[in-house]
PDB file of all heavy atoms in Angstrom:
ATOM      1  N   HIS A   1      -0.525   0.580  -9.894  1.00  0.00           N
ATOM      2  CA  HIS A   1       0.671   0.865  -9.117  1.00  0.00           C
ATOM      3  C   HIS A   1       1.179   2.295  -9.197  1.00  0.00           C
ATOM      4  O   HIS A   1       1.600   2.885  -8.217  1.00  0.00           O
ATOM      5  CB  HIS A   1       1.780  -0.151  -9.533  1.00  0.00           C
ATOM      6  CG  HIS A   1       2.913  -0.157  -8.569  1.00  0.00           C
ATOM      7  ND1 HIS A   1       2.873  -0.805  -7.306  1.00  0.00           N
ATOM      8  CD2 HIS A   1       4.160   0.401  -8.629  1.00  0.00           C
ATOM      9  CE1 HIS A   1       4.009  -0.631  -6.712  1.00  0.00           C
ATOM     10  NE2 HIS A   1       4.828   0.066  -7.480  1.00  0.00           N
ATOM     11  N   ALA A   2       1.098   2.876 -10.428  1.00  0.00           N
ATOM     12  CA  ALA A   2       1.581   4.232 -10.528  1.00  0.00           C
ATOM     13  C   ALA A   2       0.790   5.237  -9.759  1.00  0.00           C
ATOM     14  O   ALA A   2       1.323   6.220  -9.249  1.00  0.00           O
ATOM     15  CB  ALA A   2       1.564   4.621 -12.022  1.00  0.00           C
ATOM     16  N   MET A   3      -0.542   4.941  -9.592  1.00  0.00           N
ATOM     17  CA  MET A   3      -1.370   5.824  -8.833  1.00  0.00           C
ATOM     18  C   MET A   3      -1.034   5.804  -7.347  1.00  0.00           C
ATOM     19  O   MET A   3      -0.959   6.747  -6.615  1.00  0.00           O
ATOM     20  CB  MET A   3      -2.765   5.642  -9.013  1.00  0.00           C
ATOM     21  CG  MET A   3      -3.634   6.756  -8.510  1.00  0.00           C
ATOM     22  SD  MET A   3      -5.461   6.420  -8.533  1.00  0.00           S
ATOM     23  CE  MET A   3      -5.649   5.423  -7.039  1.00  0.00           C
ATOM     24  N   LYS A   4      -0.733   4.465  -6.885  1.00  0.00           N
ATOM     25  CA  LYS A   4      -0.314   4.356  -5.504  1.00  0.00           C
ATOM     26  C   LYS A   4       0.996   5.083  -5.243  1.00  0.00           C
ATOM     27  O   LYS A   4       1.126   5.745  -4.219  1.00  0.00           O
ATOM     28  CB  LYS A   4      -0.158   2.900  -5.180  1.00  0.00           C
ATOM     29  CG  LYS A   4       0.369   2.592  -3.773  1.00  0.00           C
ATOM     30  CD  LYS A   4       0.520   1.140  -3.477  1.00  0.00           C
ATOM     31  CE  LYS A   4       1.091   0.957  -2.094  1.00  0.00           C
ATOM     32  NZ  LYS A   4       1.230  -0.466  -1.735  1.00  0.00           N
ATOM     33  N   VAL A   5       1.942   4.989  -6.180  1.00  0.00           N
ATOM     34  CA  VAL A   5       3.195   5.660  -6.041  1.00  0.00           C
ATOM     35  C   VAL A   5       3.019   7.192  -6.072  1.00  0.00           C
ATOM     36  O   VAL A   5       3.693   7.911  -5.295  1.00  0.00           O
ATOM     37  CB  VAL A   5       4.195   5.237  -7.143  1.00  0.00           C
ATOM     38  CG1 VAL A   5       5.377   6.085  -7.221  1.00  0.00           C
ATOM     39  CG2 VAL A   5       4.606   3.764  -6.941  1.00  0.00           C
ATOM     40  N   ALA A   6       2.120   7.693  -6.834  1.00  0.00           N
ATOM     41  CA  ALA A   6       1.847   9.125  -6.869  1.00  0.00           C
ATOM     42  C   ALA A   6       1.280   9.558  -5.491  1.00  0.00           C
ATOM     43  O   ALA A   6       1.718  10.638  -4.999  1.00  0.00           O
ATOM     44  CB  ALA A   6       0.836   9.512  -7.914  1.00  0.00           C
ATOM     45  N   CYS A   7       0.512   8.745  -4.856  1.00  0.00           N
ATOM     46  CA  CYS A   7       0.010   9.090  -3.540  1.00  0.00           C
ATOM     47  C   CYS A   7       1.116   8.999  -2.473  1.00  0.00           C
ATOM     48  O   CYS A   7       1.303   9.879  -1.620  1.00  0.00           O
ATOM     49  CB  CYS A   7      -1.201   8.199  -3.100  1.00  0.00           C
ATOM     50  SG  CYS A   7      -2.694   8.496  -4.020  1.00  0.00           S
ATOM     51  N   THR A   8       1.898   7.992  -2.612  1.00  0.00           N
ATOM     52  CA  THR A   8       3.040   7.819  -1.748  1.00  0.00           C
ATOM     53  C   THR A   8       4.036   9.022  -1.784  1.00  0.00           C
ATOM     54  O   THR A   8       4.520   9.502  -0.790  1.00  0.00           O
ATOM     55  CB  THR A   8       3.811   6.514  -2.099  1.00  0.00           C
ATOM     56  OG1 THR A   8       2.922   5.431  -1.969  1.00  0.00           O
ATOM     57  CG2 THR A   8       4.961   6.355  -1.127  1.00  0.00           C
ATOM     58  N   SER A   9       4.194   9.512  -3.041  1.00  0.00           N
ATOM     59  CA  SER A   9       5.018  10.693  -3.216  1.00  0.00           C
ATOM     60  C   SER A   9       4.533  11.902  -2.437  1.00  0.00           C
ATOM     61  O   SER A   9       5.280  12.625  -1.783  1.00  0.00           O
ATOM     62  CB  SER A   9       5.185  11.055  -4.727  1.00  0.00           C
ATOM     63  OG  SER A   9       5.816  12.287  -4.916  1.00  0.00           O
ATOM     64  N   MET A  10       3.236  12.130  -2.474  1.00  0.00           N
ATOM     65  CA  MET A  10       2.625  13.218  -1.694  1.00  0.00           C
ATOM     66  C   MET A  10       2.897  13.049  -0.228  1.00  0.00           C
ATOM     67  O   MET A  10       3.268  14.017   0.505  1.00  0.00           O
ATOM     68  CB  MET A  10       1.075  13.255  -1.899  1.00  0.00           C
ATOM     69  CG  MET A  10       0.709  13.553  -3.344  1.00  0.00           C
ATOM     70  SD  MET A  10      -1.143  13.531  -3.452  1.00  0.00           S
ATOM     71  CE  MET A  10      -1.390  13.373  -5.205  1.00  0.00           C
ATOM     72  N   ALA A  11       2.728  11.783   0.302  1.00  0.00           N
ATOM     73  CA  ALA A  11       3.022  11.568   1.706  1.00  0.00           C
ATOM     74  C   ALA A  11       4.453  11.810   2.099  1.00  0.00           C
ATOM     75  O   ALA A  11       4.737  12.428   3.090  1.00  0.00           O
ATOM     76  CB  ALA A  11       2.552  10.153   2.058  1.00  0.00           C
ATOM     77  N   ILE A  12       5.346  11.316   1.284  1.00  0.00           N
ATOM     78  CA  ILE A  12       6.751  11.443   1.505  1.00  0.00           C
ATOM     79  C   ILE A  12       7.206  12.872   1.527  1.00  0.00           C
ATOM     80  O   ILE A  12       7.886  13.338   2.421  1.00  0.00           O
ATOM     81  CB  ILE A  12       7.610  10.666   0.515  1.00  0.00           C
ATOM     82  CG1 ILE A  12       7.412   9.153   0.769  1.00  0.00           C
ATOM     83  CG2 ILE A  12       9.108  11.015   0.524  1.00  0.00           C
ATOM     84  CD1 ILE A  12       8.102   8.314  -0.320  1.00  0.00           C
ATOM     85  N   GLY A  13       6.716  13.658   0.504  1.00  0.00           N
ATOM     86  CA  GLY A  13       7.113  15.065   0.411  1.00  0.00           C
ATOM     87  C   GLY A  13       6.643  15.836   1.621  1.00  0.00           C
ATOM     88  O   GLY A  13       7.345  16.752   2.109  1.00  0.00           O
ATOM     89  N   SER A  14       5.420  15.483   2.148  1.00  0.00           N
ATOM     90  CA  SER A  14       4.921  16.256   3.248  1.00  0.00           C
ATOM     91  C   SER A  14       5.582  15.990   4.573  1.00  0.00           C
ATOM     92  O   SER A  14       5.757  16.916   5.383  1.00  0.00           O
ATOM     93  CB  SER A  14       3.451  15.968   3.463  1.00  0.00           C
ATOM     94  OG  SER A  14       3.241  14.602   3.782  1.00  0.00           O
ATOM     95  N   ASN A  15       6.076  14.793   4.824  1.00  0.00           N
ATOM     96  CA  ASN A  15       6.822  14.457   6.004  1.00  0.00           C
ATOM     97  C   ASN A  15       7.487  13.091   5.819  1.00  0.00           C
ATOM     98  O   ASN A  15       6.930  12.048   6.103  1.00  0.00           O
ATOM     99  CB  ASN A  15       5.953  14.406   7.224  1.00  0.00           C
ATOM    100  CG  ASN A  15       6.739  14.385   8.570  1.00  0.00           C
ATOM    101  OD1 ASN A  15       7.909  13.867   8.547  1.00  0.00           O
ATOM    102  ND2 ASN A  15       6.275  14.927   9.627  1.00  0.00           N
ATOM    103  N   VAL A  16       8.697  13.142   5.290  1.00  0.00           N
ATOM    104  CA  VAL A  16       9.380  11.829   4.969  1.00  0.00           C
ATOM    105  C   VAL A  16       9.654  10.984   6.174  1.00  0.00           C
ATOM    106  O   VAL A  16       9.542   9.784   6.134  1.00  0.00           O
ATOM    107  CB  VAL A  16      10.708  12.190   4.187  1.00  0.00           C
ATOM    108  CG1 VAL A  16      11.746  12.810   5.078  1.00  0.00           C
ATOM    109  CG2 VAL A  16      11.280  10.824   3.642  1.00  0.00           C
ATOM    110  N   ALA A  17       9.924  11.639   7.359  1.00  0.00           N
ATOM    111  CA  ALA A  17      10.200  10.858   8.539  1.00  0.00           C
ATOM    112  C   ALA A  17       9.036  10.008   8.961  1.00  0.00           C
ATOM    113  O   ALA A  17       9.055   8.847   9.284  1.00  0.00           O
ATOM    114  CB  ALA A  17      10.648  11.773   9.703  1.00  0.00           C
ATOM    115  N   TRP A  18       7.798  10.630   8.885  1.00  0.00           N
ATOM    116  CA  TRP A  18       6.586   9.888   9.235  1.00  0.00           C
ATOM    117  C   TRP A  18       6.369   8.766   8.226  1.00  0.00           C
ATOM    118  O   TRP A  18       5.954   7.661   8.593  1.00  0.00           O
ATOM    119  CB  TRP A  18       5.382  10.834   9.297  1.00  0.00           C
ATOM    120  CG  TRP A  18       4.105  10.073   9.410  1.00  0.00           C
ATOM    121  CD1 TRP A  18       3.530   9.461  10.489  1.00  0.00           C
ATOM    122  CD2 TRP A  18       3.174   9.782   8.281  1.00  0.00           C
ATOM    123  NE1 TRP A  18       2.388   8.798  10.141  1.00  0.00           N
ATOM    124  CE2 TRP A  18       2.124   8.967   8.787  1.00  0.00           C
ATOM    125  CE3 TRP A  18       3.184  10.094   6.922  1.00  0.00           C
ATOM    126  CZ2 TRP A  18       1.100   8.539   7.973  1.00  0.00           C
ATOM    127  CZ3 TRP A  18       2.184   9.605   6.076  1.00  0.00           C
ATOM    128  CH2 TRP A  18       1.154   8.861   6.612  1.00  0.00           C
ATOM    129  N   SER A  19       6.452   9.141   6.953  1.00  0.00           N
ATOM    130  CA  SER A  19       6.139   8.182   5.926  1.00  0.00           C
ATOM    131  C   SER A  19       6.942   6.948   5.964  1.00  0.00           C
ATOM    132  O   SER A  19       6.489   5.834   5.466  1.00  0.00           O
ATOM    133  CB  SER A  19       6.304   8.838   4.473  1.00  0.00           C
ATOM    134  OG  SER A  19       7.715   8.905   4.240  1.00  0.00           O
ATOM    135  N   MET A  20       8.041   6.940   6.599  1.00  0.00           N
ATOM    136  CA  MET A  20       8.926   5.823   6.612  1.00  0.00           C
ATOM    137  C   MET A  20       8.388   4.685   7.575  1.00  0.00           C
ATOM    138  O   MET A  20       8.634   3.503   7.370  1.00  0.00           O
ATOM    139  CB  MET A  20      10.303   6.150   7.000  1.00  0.00           C
ATOM    140  CG  MET A  20      11.122   6.921   5.940  1.00  0.00           C
ATOM    141  SD  MET A  20      12.660   7.611   6.521  1.00  0.00           S
ATOM    142  CE  MET A  20      13.567   6.120   6.794  1.00  0.00           C
ATOM    143  N   TYR A  21       7.620   5.137   8.552  1.00  0.00           N
ATOM    144  CA  TYR A  21       7.061   4.189   9.436  1.00  0.00           C
ATOM    145  C   TYR A  21       6.043   3.219   8.772  1.00  0.00           C
ATOM    146  O   TYR A  21       6.244   1.981   8.863  1.00  0.00           O
ATOM    147  CB  TYR A  21       6.338   4.826  10.658  1.00  0.00           C
ATOM    148  CG  TYR A  21       7.247   5.522  11.619  1.00  0.00           C
ATOM    149  CD1 TYR A  21       7.427   6.870  11.562  1.00  0.00           C
ATOM    150  CD2 TYR A  21       7.951   4.865  12.567  1.00  0.00           C
ATOM    151  CE1 TYR A  21       8.243   7.600  12.465  1.00  0.00           C
ATOM    152  CE2 TYR A  21       8.821   5.457  13.461  1.00  0.00           C
ATOM    153  CZ  TYR A  21       9.005   6.888  13.384  1.00  0.00           C
ATOM    154  OH  TYR A  21       9.823   7.527  14.229  1.00  0.00           O
ATOM    155  N   TYR A  22       5.106   3.757   7.994  1.00  0.00           N
ATOM    156  CA  TYR A  22       4.232   2.888   7.279  1.00  0.00           C
ATOM    157  C   TYR A  22       4.883   2.273   6.079  1.00  0.00           C
ATOM    158  O   TYR A  22       4.582   1.192   5.636  1.00  0.00           O
ATOM    159  CB  TYR A  22       2.950   3.596   6.944  1.00  0.00           C
ATOM    160  CG  TYR A  22       2.883   4.352   5.675  1.00  0.00           C
ATOM    161  CD1 TYR A  22       2.690   3.830   4.459  1.00  0.00           C
ATOM    162  CD2 TYR A  22       3.085   5.778   5.639  1.00  0.00           C
ATOM    163  CE1 TYR A  22       2.579   4.475   3.252  1.00  0.00           C
ATOM    164  CE2 TYR A  22       3.018   6.515   4.467  1.00  0.00           C
ATOM    165  CZ  TYR A  22       2.784   5.855   3.310  1.00  0.00           C
ATOM    166  OH  TYR A  22       2.695   6.554   2.083  1.00  0.00           O
ATOM    167  N   GLY A  23       5.817   3.035   5.517  1.00  0.00           N
ATOM    168  CA  GLY A  23       6.526   2.519   4.227  1.00  0.00           C
ATOM    169  C   GLY A  23       7.282   1.267   4.480  1.00  0.00           C
ATOM    170  O   GLY A  23       7.258   0.317   3.718  1.00  0.00           O
ATOM    171  N   LEU A  24       8.030   1.220   5.620  1.00  0.00           N
ATOM    172  CA  LEU A  24       8.783   0.030   5.964  1.00  0.00           C
ATOM    173  C   LEU A  24       7.867  -1.107   6.414  1.00  0.00           C
ATOM    174  O   LEU A  24       8.129  -2.308   6.112  1.00  0.00           O
ATOM    175  CB  LEU A  24       9.819   0.365   7.060  1.00  0.00           C
ATOM    176  CG  LEU A  24      11.012   1.090   6.577  1.00  0.00           C
ATOM    177  CD1 LEU A  24      11.729   1.863   7.686  1.00  0.00           C
ATOM    178  CD2 LEU A  24      11.955   0.154   5.828  1.00  0.00           C
ATOM    179  N   SER A  25       6.713  -0.730   7.042  1.00  0.00           N
ATOM    180  CA  SER A  25       5.694  -1.768   7.381  1.00  0.00           C
ATOM    181  C   SER A  25       5.192  -2.429   6.083  1.00  0.00           C
ATOM    182  O   SER A  25       5.076  -3.660   6.038  1.00  0.00           O
ATOM    183  CB  SER A  25       4.569  -1.128   8.204  1.00  0.00           C
ATOM    184  OG  SER A  25       5.003  -0.722   9.413  1.00  0.00           O
ATOM    185  N   GLN A  26       4.927  -1.602   5.057  1.00  0.00           N
ATOM    186  CA  GLN A  26       4.452  -2.177   3.809  1.00  0.00           C
ATOM    187  C   GLN A  26       5.526  -3.090   3.171  1.00  0.00           C
ATOM    188  O   GLN A  26       5.241  -4.150   2.628  1.00  0.00           O
ATOM    189  CB  GLN A  26       4.048  -1.165   2.860  1.00  0.00           C
ATOM    190  CG  GLN A  26       2.753  -0.419   3.226  1.00  0.00           C
ATOM    191  CD  GLN A  26       2.262   0.601   2.154  1.00  0.00           C
ATOM    192  OE1 GLN A  26       3.063   1.126   1.382  1.00  0.00           O
ATOM    193  NE2 GLN A  26       0.982   0.875   2.086  1.00  0.00           N
ATOM    194  N   GLY A  27       6.821  -2.639   3.282  1.00  0.00           N
ATOM    195  CA  GLY A  27       7.883  -3.447   2.637  1.00  0.00           C
ATOM    196  C   GLY A  27       7.997  -4.741   3.347  1.00  0.00           C
ATOM    197  O   GLY A  27       8.109  -5.841   2.633  1.00  0.00           O
ATOM    198  N   ALA A  28       7.917  -4.836   4.667  1.00  0.00           N
ATOM    199  CA  ALA A  28       8.000  -6.076   5.410  1.00  0.00           C
ATOM    200  C   ALA A  28       6.753  -6.982   5.101  1.00  0.00           C
ATOM    201  O   ALA A  28       6.944  -8.135   4.901  1.00  0.00           O
ATOM    202  CB  ALA A  28       8.137  -5.802   6.929  1.00  0.00           C
ATOM    203  N   MET A  29       5.653  -6.315   5.040  1.00  0.00           N
ATOM    204  CA  MET A  29       4.384  -7.062   4.779  1.00  0.00           C
ATOM    205  C   MET A  29       4.415  -7.660   3.399  1.00  0.00           C
ATOM    206  O   MET A  29       3.963  -8.807   3.146  1.00  0.00           O
ATOM    207  CB  MET A  29       3.222  -6.117   4.908  1.00  0.00           C
ATOM    208  CG  MET A  29       1.842  -6.859   4.958  1.00  0.00           C
ATOM    209  SD  MET A  29       0.520  -5.700   5.188  1.00  0.00           S
ATOM    210  CE  MET A  29       0.291  -5.140   3.493  1.00  0.00           C
ATOM    211  N   ASN A  30       4.973  -6.984   2.419  1.00  0.00           N
ATOM    212  CA  ASN A  30       5.039  -7.457   1.044  1.00  0.00           C
ATOM    213  C   ASN A  30       5.895  -8.692   0.930  1.00  0.00           C
ATOM    214  O   ASN A  30       5.638  -9.589   0.174  1.00  0.00           O
ATOM    215  CB  ASN A  30       5.611  -6.400   0.102  1.00  0.00           C
ATOM    216  CG  ASN A  30       4.583  -5.203  -0.048  1.00  0.00           C
ATOM    217  OD1 ASN A  30       3.428  -5.334   0.256  1.00  0.00           O
ATOM    218  ND2 ASN A  30       5.092  -4.129  -0.553  1.00  0.00           N
ATOM    219  N   VAL A  31       6.976  -8.784   1.748  1.00  0.00           N
ATOM    220  CA  VAL A  31       7.804  -9.990   1.748  1.00  0.00           C
ATOM    221  C   VAL A  31       7.011 -11.132   2.286  1.00  0.00           C
ATOM    222  O   VAL A  31       7.012 -12.239   1.720  1.00  0.00           O
ATOM    223  CB  VAL A  31       9.128  -9.690   2.540  1.00  0.00           C
ATOM    224  CG1 VAL A  31       9.880 -11.021   2.661  1.00  0.00           C
ATOM    225  CG2 VAL A  31       9.946  -8.642   1.964  1.00  0.00           C
ATOM    226  N   ILE A  32       6.251 -10.916   3.362  1.00  0.00           N
ATOM    227  CA  ILE A  32       5.461 -11.970   3.994  1.00  0.00           C
ATOM    228  C   ILE A  32       4.390 -12.422   2.963  1.00  0.00           C
ATOM    229  O   ILE A  32       4.158 -13.685   2.852  1.00  0.00           O
ATOM    230  CB  ILE A  32       4.809 -11.513   5.290  1.00  0.00           C
ATOM    231  CG1 ILE A  32       5.891 -11.177   6.327  1.00  0.00           C
ATOM    232  CG2 ILE A  32       3.877 -12.568   5.849  1.00  0.00           C
ATOM    233  CD1 ILE A  32       5.419 -10.511   7.582  1.00  0.00           C
TER     234      ILE A  32
END
């Protein structure tokens, strides 16, 4: 999980607005 978060951090830093589209998709998918 920590490695996934490290990668997510790179994506967020580079363009947080874009990262939120897939980030929220993952959040909704995780609930399902």
